[in-house]
Amino acid sequence: MPRRPRLVRRSGADPRPAEGGLVRIGRSYRQHGIDGRFDAIVIGSGIGGLSAAALLARHAGRRVLVLERHYTAGGFTHTFARPGYEWDVGVHYVGQTRPGTLLRRAFDAITDGSLEWAD
């Protein structure tokens, strides 16, 4: 059964739309449904696309449109369920996140340092 579109208003210091931004979930692309002009268009909403969009919006003040062919954003951060079970299809290991490493600095920039890392 197809999922019904829903509109979610998000705010806060995370890699989601800038203050008061809107995320349309489960809605097919329609050119007439996209309002205004954008400084950047990001194709794909996996960790790379959402990170790029968040950095452009938050740190460069750009208006960014993210296009995704799946019914919801997130790339390999999705889960899916079958009767009695749920699977996480995403990344199961992220290495080299010691302080000062490139990957750690990237995560800290995207999340404003809000992630807690286990040793």
PDB file of N, CA and C in Angstrom:
ATOM      1  N   MET A   1       0.841  -1.168   0.000  1.00  0.00           N
ATOM      2  CA  MET A   1       0.000   0.000   0.000  1.00  0.00           C
ATOM      3  C   MET A   1       0.893   1.240   0.000  1.00  0.00           C
ATOM      4  N   PRO A   2       0.666   2.218  -0.905  1.00  0.00           N
ATOM      5  CA  PRO A   2       1.505   3.410  -0.951  1.00  0.00           C
ATOM      6  C   PRO A   2       1.352   4.237   0.322  1.00  0.00           C
ATOM      7  N   ARG A   3       2.447   4.872   0.697  1.00  0.00           N
ATOM      8  CA  ARG A   3       2.405   5.730   1.872  1.00  0.00           C
ATOM      9  C   ARG A   3       1.804   7.076   1.510  1.00  0.00           C
ATOM     10  N   ARG A   4       1.063   7.627   2.449  1.00  0.00           N
ATOM     11  CA  ARG A   4       0.438   8.927   2.228  1.00  0.00           C
ATOM     12  C   ARG A   4       1.455  10.025   2.484  1.00  0.00           C
ATOM     13  N   PRO A   5       1.444  11.091   1.663  1.00  0.00           N
ATOM     14  CA  PRO A   5       2.366  12.197   1.906  1.00  0.00           C
ATOM     15  C   PRO A   5       2.074  12.858   3.247  1.00  0.00           C
ATOM     16  N   ARG A   6       3.118  13.329   3.886  1.00  0.00           N
ATOM     17  CA  ARG A   6       2.923  14.118   5.090  1.00  0.00           C
ATOM     18  C   ARG A   6       3.946  15.243   5.104  1.00  0.00           C
ATOM     19  N   LEU A   7       3.615  16.322   5.746  1.00  0.00           N
ATOM     20  CA  LEU A   7       4.479  17.490   5.810  1.00  0.00           C
ATOM     21  C   LEU A   7       4.982  17.615   7.232  1.00  0.00           C
ATOM     22  N   VAL A   8       6.286  17.762   7.393  1.00  0.00           N
ATOM     23  CA  VAL A   8       6.886  17.824   8.716  1.00  0.00           C
ATOM     24  C   VAL A   8       7.627  19.138   8.854  1.00  0.00           C
ATOM     25  N   ARG A   9       7.338  19.901   9.907  1.00  0.00           N
ATOM     26  CA  ARG A   9       8.073  21.144  10.165  1.00  0.00           C
ATOM     27  C   ARG A   9       9.202  20.814  11.132  1.00  0.00           C
ATOM     28  N   ARG A  10      10.415  21.210  10.771  1.00  0.00           N
ATOM     29  CA  ARG A  10      11.574  20.890  11.590  1.00  0.00           C
ATOM     30  C   ARG A  10      12.313  22.176  11.958  1.00  0.00           C
ATOM     31  N   SER A  11      12.969  22.166  13.087  1.00  0.00           N
ATOM     32  CA  SER A  11      13.858  23.262  13.455  1.00  0.00           C
ATOM     33  C   SER A  11      14.905  22.718  14.407  1.00  0.00           C
ATOM     34  N   GLY A  12      15.958  23.484  14.641  1.00  0.00           N
ATOM     35  CA  GLY A  12      16.976  23.064  15.587  1.00  0.00           C
ATOM     36  C   GLY A  12      18.329  22.929  14.940  1.00  0.00           C
ATOM     37  N   ALA A  13      19.334  22.656  15.741  1.00  0.00           N
ATOM     38  CA  ALA A  13      20.707  22.577  15.268  1.00  0.00           C
ATOM     39  C   ALA A  13      21.065  21.148  14.899  1.00  0.00           C
ATOM     40  N   ASP A  14      20.444  20.637  13.890  1.00  0.00           N
ATOM     41  CA  ASP A  14      20.784  19.312  13.404  1.00  0.00           C
ATOM     42  C   ASP A  14      20.766  19.348  11.884  1.00  0.00           C
ATOM     43  N   PRO A  15      21.209  18.271  11.207  1.00  0.00           N
ATOM     44  CA  PRO A  15      21.299  18.327   9.754  1.00  0.00           C
ATOM     45  C   PRO A  15      19.950  18.199   9.065  1.00  0.00           C
ATOM     46  N   ARG A  16      19.000  18.947   9.509  1.00  0.00           N
ATOM     47  CA  ARG A  16      17.681  19.012   8.893  1.00  0.00           C
ATOM     48  C   ARG A  16      17.515  20.413   8.333  1.00  0.00           C
ATOM     49  N   PRO A  17      16.408  20.718   7.699  1.00  0.00           N
ATOM     50  CA  PRO A  17      16.255  22.054   7.137  1.00  0.00           C
ATOM     51  C   PRO A  17      16.494  23.141   8.170  1.00  0.00           C
ATOM     52  N   ALA A  18      16.981  24.284   7.692  1.00  0.00           N
ATOM     53  CA  ALA A  18      17.235  25.428   8.560  1.00  0.00           C
ATOM     54  C   ALA A  18      15.965  25.822   9.296  1.00  0.00           C
ATOM     55  N   GLU A  19      16.095  26.641  10.312  1.00  0.00           N
ATOM     56  CA  GLU A  19      14.980  27.053  11.165  1.00  0.00           C
ATOM     57  C   GLU A  19      13.676  27.176  10.388  1.00  0.00           C
ATOM     58  N   GLY A  20      12.693  26.411  10.820  1.00  0.00           N
ATOM     59  CA  GLY A  20      11.371  26.502  10.218  1.00  0.00           C
ATOM     60  C   GLY A  20      11.262  25.883   8.841  1.00  0.00           C
ATOM     61  N   GLY A  21      12.314  25.213   8.359  1.00  0.00           N
ATOM     62  CA  GLY A  21      12.268  24.613   7.036  1.00  0.00           C
ATOM     63  C   GLY A  21      11.242  23.500   6.959  1.00  0.00           C
ATOM     64  N   LEU A  22      10.828  23.172   5.757  1.00  0.00           N
ATOM     65  CA  LEU A  22       9.831  22.126   5.567  1.00  0.00           C
ATOM     66  C   LEU A  22      10.445  20.923   4.879  1.00  0.00           C
ATOM     67  N   VAL A  23      10.028  19.755   5.295  1.00  0.00           N
ATOM     68  CA  VAL A  23      10.413  18.511   4.646  1.00  0.00           C
ATOM     69  C   VAL A  23       9.139  17.883   4.129  1.00  0.00           C
ATOM     70  N   ARG A  24       9.073  17.625   2.825  1.00  0.00           N
ATOM     71  CA  ARG A  24       7.918  16.925   2.271  1.00  0.00           C
ATOM     72  C   ARG A  24       8.306  15.468   2.145  1.00  0.00           C
ATOM     73  N   ILE A  25       7.537  14.610   2.768  1.00  0.00           N
ATOM     74  CA  ILE A  25       7.843  13.183   2.792  1.00  0.00           C
ATOM     75  C   ILE A  25       6.764  12.426   2.033  1.00  0.00           C
ATOM     76  N   GLY A  26       7.195  11.545   1.127  1.00  0.00           N
ATOM     77  CA  GLY A  26       6.254  10.683   0.438  1.00  0.00           C
ATOM     78  C   GLY A  26       5.480  11.359  -0.669  1.00  0.00           C
ATOM     79  N   ARG A  27       6.018  12.415  -1.228  1.00  0.00           N
ATOM     80  CA  ARG A  27       5.299  13.139  -2.266  1.00  0.00           C
ATOM     81  C   ARG A  27       6.103  13.085  -3.558  1.00  0.00           C
ATOM     82  N   SER A  28       5.467  12.732  -4.646  1.00  0.00           N
ATOM     83  CA  SER A  28       6.154  12.681  -5.932  1.00  0.00           C
ATOM     84  C   SER A  28       6.523  14.082  -6.387  1.00  0.00           C
ATOM     85  N   TYR A  29       7.627  14.168  -7.140  1.00  0.00           N
ATOM     86  CA  TYR A  29       8.095  15.447  -7.663  1.00  0.00           C
ATOM     87  C   TYR A  29       7.103  16.019  -8.660  1.00  0.00           C
ATOM     88  N   ARG A  30       6.804  17.260  -8.480  1.00  0.00           N
ATOM     89  CA  ARG A  30       5.996  18.023  -9.425  1.00  0.00           C
ATOM     90  C   ARG A  30       6.637  19.397  -9.515  1.00  0.00           C
ATOM     91  N   GLN A  31       7.050  19.785 -10.695  1.00  0.00           N
ATOM     92  CA  GLN A  31       7.754  21.057 -10.834  1.00  0.00           C
ATOM     93  C   GLN A  31       6.933  22.213 -10.287  1.00  0.00           C
ATOM     94  N   HIS A  32       5.636  22.201 -10.509  1.00  0.00           N
ATOM     95  CA  HIS A  32       4.813  23.306 -10.023  1.00  0.00           C
ATOM     96  C   HIS A  32       4.677  23.294  -8.500  1.00  0.00           C
ATOM     97  N   GLY A  33       5.081  22.228  -7.847  1.00  0.00           N
ATOM     98  CA  GLY A  33       4.985  22.140  -6.391  1.00  0.00           C
ATOM     99  C   GLY A  33       6.210  22.666  -5.661  1.00  0.00           C
ATOM    100  N   ILE A  34       7.246  23.062  -6.394  1.00  0.00           N
ATOM    101  CA  ILE A  34       8.465  23.584  -5.784  1.00  0.00           C
ATOM    102  C   ILE A  34       8.451  25.090  -5.943  1.00  0.00           C
ATOM    103  N   ASP A  35       8.350  25.776  -4.807  1.00  0.00           N
ATOM    104  CA  ASP A  35       8.214  27.226  -4.819  1.00  0.00           C
ATOM    105  C   ASP A  35       9.567  27.916  -4.790  1.00  0.00           C
ATOM    106  N   GLY A  36       9.678  28.973  -5.572  1.00  0.00           N
ATOM    107  CA  GLY A  36      10.826  29.854  -5.475  1.00  0.00           C
ATOM    108  C   GLY A  36      12.075  29.369  -6.172  1.00  0.00           C
ATOM    109  N   ARG A  37      13.150  30.073  -5.865  1.00  0.00           N
ATOM    110  CA  ARG A  37      14.452  29.783  -6.451  1.00  0.00           C
ATOM    111  C   ARG A  37      15.367  29.200  -5.384  1.00  0.00           C
ATOM    112  N   PHE A  38      16.344  28.443  -5.841  1.00  0.00           N
ATOM    113  CA  PHE A  38      17.281  27.811  -4.925  1.00  0.00           C
ATOM    114  C   PHE A  38      18.700  28.145  -5.350  1.00  0.00           C
ATOM    115  N   ASP A  39      19.577  28.245  -4.377  1.00  0.00           N
ATOM    116  CA  ASP A  39      20.991  28.492  -4.656  1.00  0.00           C
ATOM    117  C   ASP A  39      21.708  27.202  -5.026  1.00  0.00           C
ATOM    118  N   ALA A  40      21.198  26.079  -4.534  1.00  0.00           N
ATOM    119  CA  ALA A  40      21.818  24.780  -4.803  1.00  0.00           C
ATOM    120  C   ALA A  40      20.743  23.706  -4.840  1.00  0.00           C
ATOM    121  N   ILE A  41      20.961  22.714  -5.686  1.00  0.00           N
ATOM    122  CA  ILE A  41      20.092  21.541  -5.741  1.00  0.00           C
ATOM    123  C   ILE A  41      20.970  20.326  -5.478  1.00  0.00           C
ATOM    124  N   VAL A  42      20.591  19.534  -4.489  1.00  0.00           N
ATOM    125  CA  VAL A  42      21.333  18.330  -4.126  1.00  0.00           C
ATOM    126  C   VAL A  42      20.501  17.131  -4.551  1.00  0.00           C
ATOM    127  N   ILE A  43      21.101  16.245  -5.325  1.00  0.00           N
ATOM    128  CA  ILE A  43      20.420  15.042  -5.785  1.00  0.00           C
ATOM    129  C   ILE A  43      20.799  13.900  -4.851  1.00  0.00           C
ATOM    130  N   GLY A  44      19.811  13.364  -4.152  1.00  0.00           N
ATOM    131  CA  GLY A  44      20.036  12.260  -3.230  1.00  0.00           C
ATOM    132  C   GLY A  44      20.090  12.731  -1.787  1.00  0.00           C
ATOM    133  N   SER A  45      19.425  11.977  -0.921  1.00  0.00           N
ATOM    134  CA  SER A  45      19.336  12.388   0.480  1.00  0.00           C
ATOM    135  C   SER A  45      20.004  11.392   1.414  1.00  0.00           C
ATOM    136  N   GLY A  46      21.067  10.765   0.930  1.00  0.00           N
ATOM    137  CA  GLY A  46      21.863   9.920   1.814  1.00  0.00           C
ATOM    138  C   GLY A  46      22.700  10.803   2.723  1.00  0.00           C
ATOM    139  N   ILE A  47      23.626  10.199   3.456  1.00  0.00           N
ATOM    140  CA  ILE A  47      24.416  10.980   4.401  1.00  0.00           C
ATOM    141  C   ILE A  47      25.219  12.074   3.697  1.00  0.00           C
ATOM    142  N   GLY A  48      25.715  11.791   2.491  1.00  0.00           N
ATOM    143  CA  GLY A  48      26.475  12.799   1.759  1.00  0.00           C
ATOM    144  C   GLY A  48      25.610  13.955   1.296  1.00  0.00           C
ATOM    145  N   GLY A  49      24.459  13.641   0.702  1.00  0.00           N
ATOM    146  CA  GLY A  49      23.565  14.685   0.219  1.00  0.00           C
ATOM    147  C   GLY A  49      23.009  15.538   1.334  1.00  0.00           C
ATOM    148  N   LEU A  50      22.552  14.900   2.413  1.00  0.00           N
ATOM    149  CA  LEU A  50      22.010  15.669   3.534  1.00  0.00           C
ATOM    150  C   LEU A  50      23.094  16.479   4.228  1.00  0.00           C
ATOM    151  N   SER A  51      24.310  15.940   4.305  1.00  0.00           N
ATOM    152  CA  SER A  51      25.417  16.688   4.907  1.00  0.00           C
ATOM    153  C   SER A  51      25.748  17.919   4.078  1.00  0.00           C
ATOM    154  N   ALA A  52      25.851  17.733   2.767  1.00  0.00           N
ATOM    155  CA  ALA A  52      26.136  18.868   1.889  1.00  0.00           C
ATOM    156  C   ALA A  52      25.046  19.926   1.995  1.00  0.00           C
ATOM    157  N   ALA A  53      23.794  19.495   1.976  1.00  0.00           N
ATOM    158  CA  ALA A  53      22.680  20.439   2.071  1.00  0.00           C
ATOM    159  C   ALA A  53      22.695  21.180   3.402  1.00  0.00           C
ATOM    160  N   ALA A  54      22.951  20.456   4.491  1.00  0.00           N
ATOM    161  CA  ALA A  54      22.985  21.087   5.815  1.00  0.00           C
ATOM    162  C   ALA A  54      24.104  22.112   5.910  1.00  0.00           C
ATOM    163  N   LEU A  55      25.279  21.760   5.408  1.00  0.00           N
ATOM    164  CA  LEU A  55      26.404  22.689   5.460  1.00  0.00           C
ATOM    165  C   LEU A  55      26.155  23.914   4.595  1.00  0.00           C
ATOM    166  N   LEU A  56      25.615  23.717   3.403  1.00  0.00           N
ATOM    167  CA  LEU A  56      25.302  24.860   2.540  1.00  0.00           C
ATOM    168  C   LEU A  56      24.270  25.780   3.180  1.00  0.00           C
ATOM    169  N   ALA A  57      23.240  25.198   3.774  1.00  0.00           N
ATOM    170  CA  ALA A  57      22.177  26.004   4.383  1.00  0.00           C
ATOM    171  C   ALA A  57      22.653  26.686   5.657  1.00  0.00           C
ATOM    172  N   ARG A  58      23.286  25.944   6.537  1.00  0.00           N
ATOM    173  CA  ARG A  58      23.643  26.477   7.849  1.00  0.00           C
ATOM    174  C   ARG A  58      24.849  27.400   7.801  1.00  0.00           C
ATOM    175  N   HIS A  59      25.907  26.984   7.116  1.00  0.00           N
ATOM    176  CA  HIS A  59      27.150  27.736   7.178  1.00  0.00           C
ATOM    177  C   HIS A  59      27.348  28.701   6.020  1.00  0.00           C
ATOM    178  N   ALA A  60      26.672  28.475   4.914  1.00  0.00           N
ATOM    179  CA  ALA A  60      26.815  29.376   3.772  1.00  0.00           C
ATOM    180  C   ALA A  60      25.548  30.184   3.529  1.00  0.00           C
ATOM    181  N   GLY A  61      24.502  29.920   4.301  1.00  0.00           N
ATOM    182  CA  GLY A  61      23.265  30.695   4.168  1.00  0.00           C
ATOM    183  C   GLY A  61      22.547  30.495   2.846  1.00  0.00           C
ATOM    184  N   ARG A  62      22.740  29.366   2.215  1.00  0.00           N
ATOM    185  CA  ARG A  62      22.121  29.099   0.916  1.00  0.00           C
ATOM    186  C   ARG A  62      20.750  28.469   1.078  1.00  0.00           C
ATOM    187  N   ARG A  63      19.905  28.705   0.083  1.00  0.00           N
ATOM    188  CA  ARG A  63      18.600  28.044   0.019  1.00  0.00           C
ATOM    189  C   ARG A  63      18.798  26.788  -0.826  1.00  0.00           C
ATOM    190  N   VAL A  64      18.552  25.620  -0.224  1.00  0.00           N
ATOM    191  CA  VAL A  64      18.913  24.345  -0.844  1.00  0.00           C
ATOM    192  C   VAL A  64      17.672  23.484  -1.051  1.00  0.00           C
ATOM    193  N   LEU A  65      17.585  22.873  -2.225  1.00  0.00           N
ATOM    194  CA  LEU A  65      16.544  21.899  -2.536  1.00  0.00           C
ATOM    195  C   LEU A  65      17.202  20.529  -2.601  1.00  0.00           C
ATOM    196  N   VAL A  66      16.680  19.565  -1.841  1.00  0.00           N
ATOM    197  CA  VAL A  66      17.178  18.189  -1.877  1.00  0.00           C
ATOM    198  C   VAL A  66      16.125  17.336  -2.567  1.00  0.00           C
ATOM    199  N   LEU A  67      16.524  16.651  -3.629  1.00  0.00           N
ATOM    200  CA  LEU A  67      15.622  15.761  -4.356  1.00  0.00           C
ATOM    201  C   LEU A  67      16.001  14.311  -4.060  1.00  0.00           C
ATOM    202  N   GLU A  68      14.998  13.495  -3.791  1.00  0.00           N
ATOM    203  CA  GLU A  68      15.215  12.085  -3.471  1.00  0.00           C
ATOM    204  C   GLU A  68      14.171  11.249  -4.190  1.00  0.00           C
ATOM    205  N   ARG A  69      14.573  10.145  -4.799  1.00  0.00           N
ATOM    206  CA  ARG A  69      13.605   9.303  -5.513  1.00  0.00           C
ATOM    207  C   ARG A  69      12.862   8.346  -4.587  1.00  0.00           C
ATOM    208  N   HIS A  70      13.431   8.050  -3.432  1.00  0.00           N
ATOM    209  CA  HIS A  70      12.779   7.177  -2.465  1.00  0.00           C
ATOM    210  C   HIS A  70      11.647   7.948  -1.795  1.00  0.00           C
ATOM    211  N   TYR A  71      10.708   7.256  -1.156  1.00  0.00           N
ATOM    212  CA  TYR A  71       9.568   7.948  -0.553  1.00  0.00           C
ATOM    213  C   TYR A  71       9.926   8.715   0.710  1.00  0.00           C
ATOM    214  N   THR A  72      11.127   8.521   1.231  1.00  0.00           N
ATOM    215  CA  THR A  72      11.553   9.289   2.403  1.00  0.00           C
ATOM    216  C   THR A  72      13.054   9.542   2.332  1.00  0.00           C
ATOM    217  N   ALA A  73      13.499  10.578   2.989  1.00  0.00           N
ATOM    218  CA  ALA A  73      14.909  10.953   2.969  1.00  0.00           C
ATOM    219  C   ALA A  73      15.724  10.030   3.863  1.00  0.00           C
ATOM    220  N   GLY A  74      17.028   9.956   3.590  1.00  0.00           N
ATOM    221  CA  GLY A  74      17.907   9.245   4.504  1.00  0.00           C
ATOM    222  C   GLY A  74      18.870   8.254   3.901  1.00  0.00           C
ATOM    223  N   GLY A  75      18.717   7.902   2.631  1.00  0.00           N
ATOM    224  CA  GLY A  75      19.646   6.942   2.037  1.00  0.00           C
ATOM    225  C   GLY A  75      19.664   5.637   2.805  1.00  0.00           C
ATOM    226  N   PHE A  76      20.860   5.196   3.201  1.00  0.00           N
ATOM    227  CA  PHE A  76      20.992   3.931   3.922  1.00  0.00           C
ATOM    228  C   PHE A  76      20.771   4.074   5.425  1.00  0.00           C
ATOM    229  N   THR A  77      20.028   5.094   5.841  1.00  0.00           N
ATOM    230  CA  THR A  77      19.666   5.212   7.254  1.00  0.00           C
ATOM    231  C   THR A  77      18.265   4.679   7.499  1.00  0.00           C
ATOM    232  N   HIS A  78      17.689   4.033   6.508  1.00  0.00           N
ATOM    233  CA  HIS A  78      16.324   3.511   6.613  1.00  0.00           C
ATOM    234  C   HIS A  78      16.261   2.232   7.434  1.00  0.00           C
ATOM    235  N   THR A  79      15.071   1.956   7.915  1.00  0.00           N
ATOM    236  CA  THR A  79      14.762   0.649   8.473  1.00  0.00           C
ATOM    237  C   THR A  79      13.545   0.126   7.721  1.00  0.00           C
ATOM    238  N   PHE A  80      13.385  -1.165   7.728  1.00  0.00           N
ATOM    239  CA  PHE A  80      12.162  -1.724   7.168  1.00  0.00           C
ATOM    240  C   PHE A  80      11.716  -2.863   8.072  1.00  0.00           C
ATOM    241  N   ALA A  81      10.440  -3.145   8.031  1.00  0.00           N
ATOM    242  CA  ALA A  81       9.880  -4.147   8.940  1.00  0.00           C
ATOM    243  C   ALA A  81       9.112  -5.198   8.163  1.00  0.00           C
ATOM    244  N   ARG A  82       9.162  -6.379   8.681  1.00  0.00           N
ATOM    245  CA  ARG A  82       8.326  -7.486   8.250  1.00  0.00           C
ATOM    246  C   ARG A  82       7.707  -8.032   9.527  1.00  0.00           C
ATOM    247  N   PRO A  83       6.618  -8.747   9.445  1.00  0.00           N
ATOM    248  CA  PRO A  83       5.932  -9.189  10.657  1.00  0.00           C
ATOM    249  C   PRO A  83       6.887  -9.735  11.728  1.00  0.00           C
ATOM    250  N   GLY A  84       6.944  -9.019  12.843  1.00  0.00           N
ATOM    251  CA  GLY A  84       7.754  -9.450  13.971  1.00  0.00           C
ATOM    252  C   GLY A  84       9.214  -9.048  13.947  1.00  0.00           C
ATOM    253  N   TYR A  85       9.701  -8.420  12.864  1.00  0.00           N
ATOM    254  CA  TYR A  85      11.114  -8.087  12.751  1.00  0.00           C
ATOM    255  C   TYR A  85      11.292  -6.690  12.166  1.00  0.00           C
ATOM    256  N   GLU A  86      12.411  -6.039  12.528  1.00  0.00           N
ATOM    257  CA  GLU A  86      12.782  -4.761  11.923  1.00  0.00           C
ATOM    258  C   GLU A  86      14.266  -4.812  11.595  1.00  0.00           C
ATOM    259  N   TRP A  87      14.643  -4.347  10.414  1.00  0.00           N
ATOM    260  CA  TRP A  87      16.030  -4.342   9.977  1.00  0.00           C
ATOM    261  C   TRP A  87      16.487  -2.920   9.730  1.00  0.00           C
ATOM    262  N   ASP A  88      17.726  -2.654  10.124  1.00  0.00           N
ATOM    263  CA  ASP A  88      18.393  -1.393   9.831  1.00  0.00           C
ATOM    264  C   ASP A  88      19.284  -1.660   8.622  1.00  0.00           C
ATOM    265  N   VAL A  89      19.038  -0.973   7.520  1.00  0.00           N
ATOM    266  CA  VAL A  89      19.790  -1.245   6.296  1.00  0.00           C
ATOM    267  C   VAL A  89      21.032  -0.378   6.178  1.00  0.00           C
ATOM    268  N   GLY A  90      21.300   0.436   7.172  1.00  0.00           N
ATOM    269  CA  GLY A  90      22.364   1.423   7.085  1.00  0.00           C
ATOM    270  C   GLY A  90      23.742   0.929   7.434  1.00  0.00           C
ATOM    271  N   VAL A  91      24.595   1.893   7.611  1.00  0.00           N
ATOM    272  CA  VAL A  91      25.981   1.653   7.961  1.00  0.00           C
ATOM    273  C   VAL A  91      26.038   1.053   9.363  1.00  0.00           C
ATOM    274  N   HIS A  92      26.813   0.000   9.519  1.00  0.00           N
ATOM    275  CA  HIS A  92      26.917  -0.655  10.818  1.00  0.00           C
ATOM    276  C   HIS A  92      28.221  -0.332  11.533  1.00  0.00           C
ATOM    277  N   TYR A  93      29.133   0.344  10.852  1.00  0.00           N
ATOM    278  CA  TYR A  93      30.416   0.675  11.460  1.00  0.00           C
ATOM    279  C   TYR A  93      30.915   1.982  10.879  1.00  0.00           C
ATOM    280  N   VAL A  94      31.327   2.874  11.728  1.00  0.00           N
ATOM    281  CA  VAL A  94      31.970   4.120  11.313  1.00  0.00           C
ATOM    282  C   VAL A  94      33.298   4.167  12.049  1.00  0.00           C
ATOM    283  N   GLY A  95      34.387   4.107  11.314  1.00  0.00           N
ATOM    284  CA  GLY A  95      35.704   4.061  11.944  1.00  0.00           C
ATOM    285  C   GLY A  95      36.438   5.386  11.877  1.00  0.00           C
ATOM    286  N   GLN A  96      37.590   5.419  12.520  1.00  0.00           N
ATOM    287  CA  GLN A  96      38.477   6.583  12.501  1.00  0.00           C
ATOM    288  C   GLN A  96      37.777   7.868  12.942  1.00  0.00           C
ATOM    289  N   THR A  97      37.113   7.806  14.092  1.00  0.00           N
ATOM    290  CA  THR A  97      36.413   8.990  14.596  1.00  0.00           C
ATOM    291  C   THR A  97      37.084   9.551  15.845  1.00  0.00           C
ATOM    292  N   ARG A  98      38.374   9.259  16.005  1.00  0.00           N
ATOM    293  CA  ARG A  98      39.101   9.860  17.124  1.00  0.00           C
ATOM    294  C   ARG A  98      39.134  11.373  16.940  1.00  0.00           C
ATOM    295  N   PRO A  99      39.217  12.132  18.045  1.00  0.00           N
ATOM    296  CA  PRO A  99      39.282  13.594  17.932  1.00  0.00           C
ATOM    297  C   PRO A  99      40.384  14.027  16.966  1.00  0.00           C
ATOM    298  N   GLY A 100      40.050  14.962  16.105  1.00  0.00           N
ATOM    299  CA  GLY A 100      41.015  15.505  15.159  1.00  0.00           C
ATOM    300  C   GLY A 100      41.044  14.827  13.808  1.00  0.00           C
ATOM    301  N   THR A 101      40.462  13.623  13.681  1.00  0.00           N
ATOM    302  CA  THR A 101      40.461  12.956  12.379  1.00  0.00           C
ATOM    303  C   THR A 101      39.488  13.662  11.442  1.00  0.00           C
ATOM    304  N   LEU A 102      39.694  13.486  10.163  1.00  0.00           N
ATOM    305  CA  LEU A 102      38.851  14.144   9.170  1.00  0.00           C
ATOM    306  C   LEU A 102      37.382  13.779   9.346  1.00  0.00           C
ATOM    307  N   LEU A 103      37.095  12.486   9.527  1.00  0.00           N
ATOM    308  CA  LEU A 103      35.708  12.058   9.671  1.00  0.00           C
ATOM    309  C   LEU A 103      35.071  12.657  10.924  1.00  0.00           C
ATOM    310  N   ARG A 104      35.810  12.682  12.030  1.00  0.00           N
ATOM    311  CA  ARG A 104      35.283  13.257  13.278  1.00  0.00           C
ATOM    312  C   ARG A 104      35.005  14.749  13.096  1.00  0.00           C
ATOM    313  N   ARG A 105      35.908  15.468  12.455  1.00  0.00           N
ATOM    314  CA  ARG A 105      35.693  16.905  12.229  1.00  0.00           C
ATOM    315  C   ARG A 105      34.482  17.135  11.343  1.00  0.00           C
ATOM    316  N   ALA A 106      34.273  16.266  10.353  1.00  0.00           N
ATOM    317  CA  ALA A 106      33.102  16.404   9.475  1.00  0.00           C
ATOM    318  C   ALA A 106      31.813  16.183  10.261  1.00  0.00           C
ATOM    319  N   PHE A 107      31.758  15.113  11.063  1.00  0.00           N
ATOM    320  CA  PHE A 107      30.561  14.867  11.878  1.00  0.00           C
ATOM    321  C   PHE A 107      30.321  16.012  12.857  1.00  0.00           C
ATOM    322  N   ASP A 108      31.387  16.514  13.478  1.00  0.00           N
ATOM    323  CA  ASP A 108      31.236  17.621  14.426  1.00  0.00           C
ATOM    324  C   ASP A 108      30.724  18.883  13.737  1.00  0.00           C
ATOM    325  N   ALA A 109      31.184  19.139  12.509  1.00  0.00           N
ATOM    326  CA  ALA A 109      30.706  20.316  11.773  1.00  0.00           C
ATOM    327  C   ALA A 109      29.236  20.181  11.412  1.00  0.00           C
ATOM    328  N   ILE A 110      28.836  19.006  10.975  1.00  0.00           N
ATOM    329  CA  ILE A 110      27.451  18.792  10.549  1.00  0.00           C
ATOM    330  C   ILE A 110      26.489  18.848  11.730  1.00  0.00           C
ATOM    331  N   THR A 111      26.917  18.333  12.884  1.00  0.00           N
ATOM    332  CA  THR A 111      26.018  18.237  14.046  1.00  0.00           C
ATOM    333  C   THR A 111      26.290  19.302  15.101  1.00  0.00           C
ATOM    334  N   ASP A 112      27.144  20.269  14.789  1.00  0.00           N
ATOM    335  CA  ASP A 112      27.549  21.287  15.770  1.00  0.00           C
ATOM    336  C   ASP A 112      28.105  20.649  17.037  1.00  0.00           C
ATOM    337  N   GLY A 113      28.789  19.518  16.886  1.00  0.00           N
ATOM    338  CA  GLY A 113      29.430  18.852  18.012  1.00  0.00           C
ATOM    339  C   GLY A 113      28.483  18.185  18.989  1.00  0.00           C
ATOM    340  N   SER A 114      27.249  17.937  18.569  1.00  0.00           N
ATOM    341  CA  SER A 114      26.252  17.402  19.502  1.00  0.00           C
ATOM    342  C   SER A 114      26.278  15.879  19.647  1.00  0.00           C
ATOM    343  N   LEU A 115      27.069  15.176  18.841  1.00  0.00           N
ATOM    344  CA  LEU A 115      27.148  13.714  18.975  1.00  0.00           C
ATOM    345  C   LEU A 115      28.037  13.332  20.148  1.00  0.00           C
ATOM    346  N   GLU A 116      27.662  12.279  20.848  1.00  0.00           N
ATOM    347  CA  GLU A 116      28.508  11.709  21.895  1.00  0.00           C
ATOM    348  C   GLU A 116      29.163  10.463  21.319  1.00  0.00           C
ATOM    349  N   TRP A 117      30.469  10.373  21.478  1.00  0.00           N
ATOM    350  CA  TRP A 117      31.212   9.258  20.904  1.00  0.00           C
ATOM    351  C   TRP A 117      31.638   8.300  21.998  1.00  0.00           C
ATOM    352  N   ALA A 118      31.472   7.008  21.766  1.00  0.00           N
ATOM    353  CA  ALA A 118      31.937   5.984  22.705  1.00  0.00           C
ATOM    354  C   ALA A 118      33.403   5.698  22.426  1.00  0.00           C
ATOM    355  N   ASP A 119      34.152   5.451  23.471  1.00  0.00           N
ATOM    356  CA  ASP A 119      35.576   5.126  23.292  1.00  0.00           C
ATOM    357  C   ASP A 119      35.773   3.660  23.033  1.00  0.00           C
TER     358      ASP A 119
END
